[in-house]
Protein backbone atom coordinates (compact mmCIF):
# COMPACT_ATOMS: atom_id res chain seq x y z
CA MET A 1 35.68 23.40 -6.05
CA SER A 2 32.63 22.42 -4.62
CA GLU A 3 30.59 18.82 -4.94
CA PRO A 4 28.12 18.13 -7.75
CA ARG A 5 24.77 18.44 -6.48
CA PRO A 6 22.45 15.33 -6.98
CA LEU A 7 19.78 15.18 -9.54
CA VAL A 8 17.28 14.43 -7.04
CA ASP A 9 16.61 15.61 -3.89
CA GLU A 10 16.32 13.15 -0.92
CA ARG A 11 13.66 14.84 0.64
CA PHE A 12 11.87 14.57 -2.71
CA LEU A 13 12.74 10.78 -2.82
CA GLU A 14 11.20 10.67 1.05
CA HIS A 15 8.03 12.33 0.01
CA ARG A 16 7.52 10.02 -2.92
CA ARG A 17 8.07 7.23 -0.50
CA ARG A 18 5.46 8.51 2.00
CA SER A 19 3.03 9.63 -0.51
CA THR A 20 2.97 6.19 -2.36
CA SER A 21 2.72 4.35 0.92
CA LEU A 22 -0.06 6.30 2.19
CA ALA A 23 -2.06 5.90 -1.21
CA GLY A 24 -1.60 1.93 -1.05
CA VAL A 25 -3.00 1.76 2.37
CA ILE A 26 -5.94 4.55 1.79
CA ALA A 27 -6.65 2.06 -1.67
CA GLY A 28 -6.59 -0.94 0.65
CA LEU A 29 -9.04 0.33 3.00
CA VAL A 30 -11.40 1.92 0.02
CA ALA A 31 -11.11 -1.94 -1.54
CA ALA A 32 -11.78 -3.43 2.03
CA GLY A 33 -14.79 -0.88 2.47
CA LEU A 34 -16.39 -1.43 -0.65
CA PHE A 35 -16.17 -4.87 -0.55
CA ALA A 36 -17.76 -4.77 3.11
CA TYR A 37 -20.78 -2.49 1.63
CA ARG A 38 -21.48 -5.19 -1.15
CA TYR A 39 -21.36 -7.78 0.81
CA TYR A 40 -23.55 -6.45 4.13
CA VAL A 41 -25.98 -4.31 2.21
CA GLN A 42 -26.03 -5.94 -1.30
CA HIS A 43 -25.45 -8.83 -0.14
CA VAL A 44 -23.27 -9.92 -2.98
CA TRP A 45 -19.44 -11.66 -2.51
CA SER A 46 -17.07 -9.91 -4.81
CA TRP A 47 -14.47 -11.64 -5.65
CA ASP A 48 -12.26 -9.09 -7.18
CA LEU A 49 -12.28 -7.03 -4.22
CA CYS A 50 -11.80 -9.81 -2.10
CA ALA A 51 -8.58 -10.76 -4.28
CA VAL A 52 -7.50 -7.26 -4.27
CA VAL A 53 -7.89 -7.09 -0.08
CA ILE A 54 -6.20 -10.44 0.45
CA THR A 55 -3.23 -9.49 -1.88
CA LEU A 56 -2.77 -6.26 0.07
CA VAL A 57 -2.53 -8.18 3.46
CA VAL A 58 -0.70 -10.86 1.95
CA ILE A 59 2.06 -8.47 0.51
CA LYS A 60 2.10 -6.13 3.78
CA ILE A 61 2.42 -9.24 6.33
CA GLY A 62 5.20 -10.64 4.28
CA LEU A 63 7.24 -7.76 3.71
CA MET A 64 6.97 -6.99 7.64
CA ILE A 65 8.10 -10.74 8.09
CA TRP A 66 11.05 -10.20 5.56
CA PHE A 67 12.05 -6.95 6.66
CA HIS A 68 12.07 -7.90 10.45
CA PHE A 69 14.80 -10.72 9.45
CA THR A 70 16.65 -8.83 6.94
CA ASP A 71 16.78 -5.57 8.89
């Protein structure tokens, strides 16, 4: 008797992980670009976009430190 096939292929999980990571990076870059545009062109400090960019940076660096010490 053969082994049962998994419900989800590991390639699917890897593609989902990579696409989610890339989407997060691109969304962060768009937020940073929109913040820079509003600041340098419109001369408006956009606190909501600043908060999004800072949150992205803090989480990214925090996870890099966490993975460095736990992996």
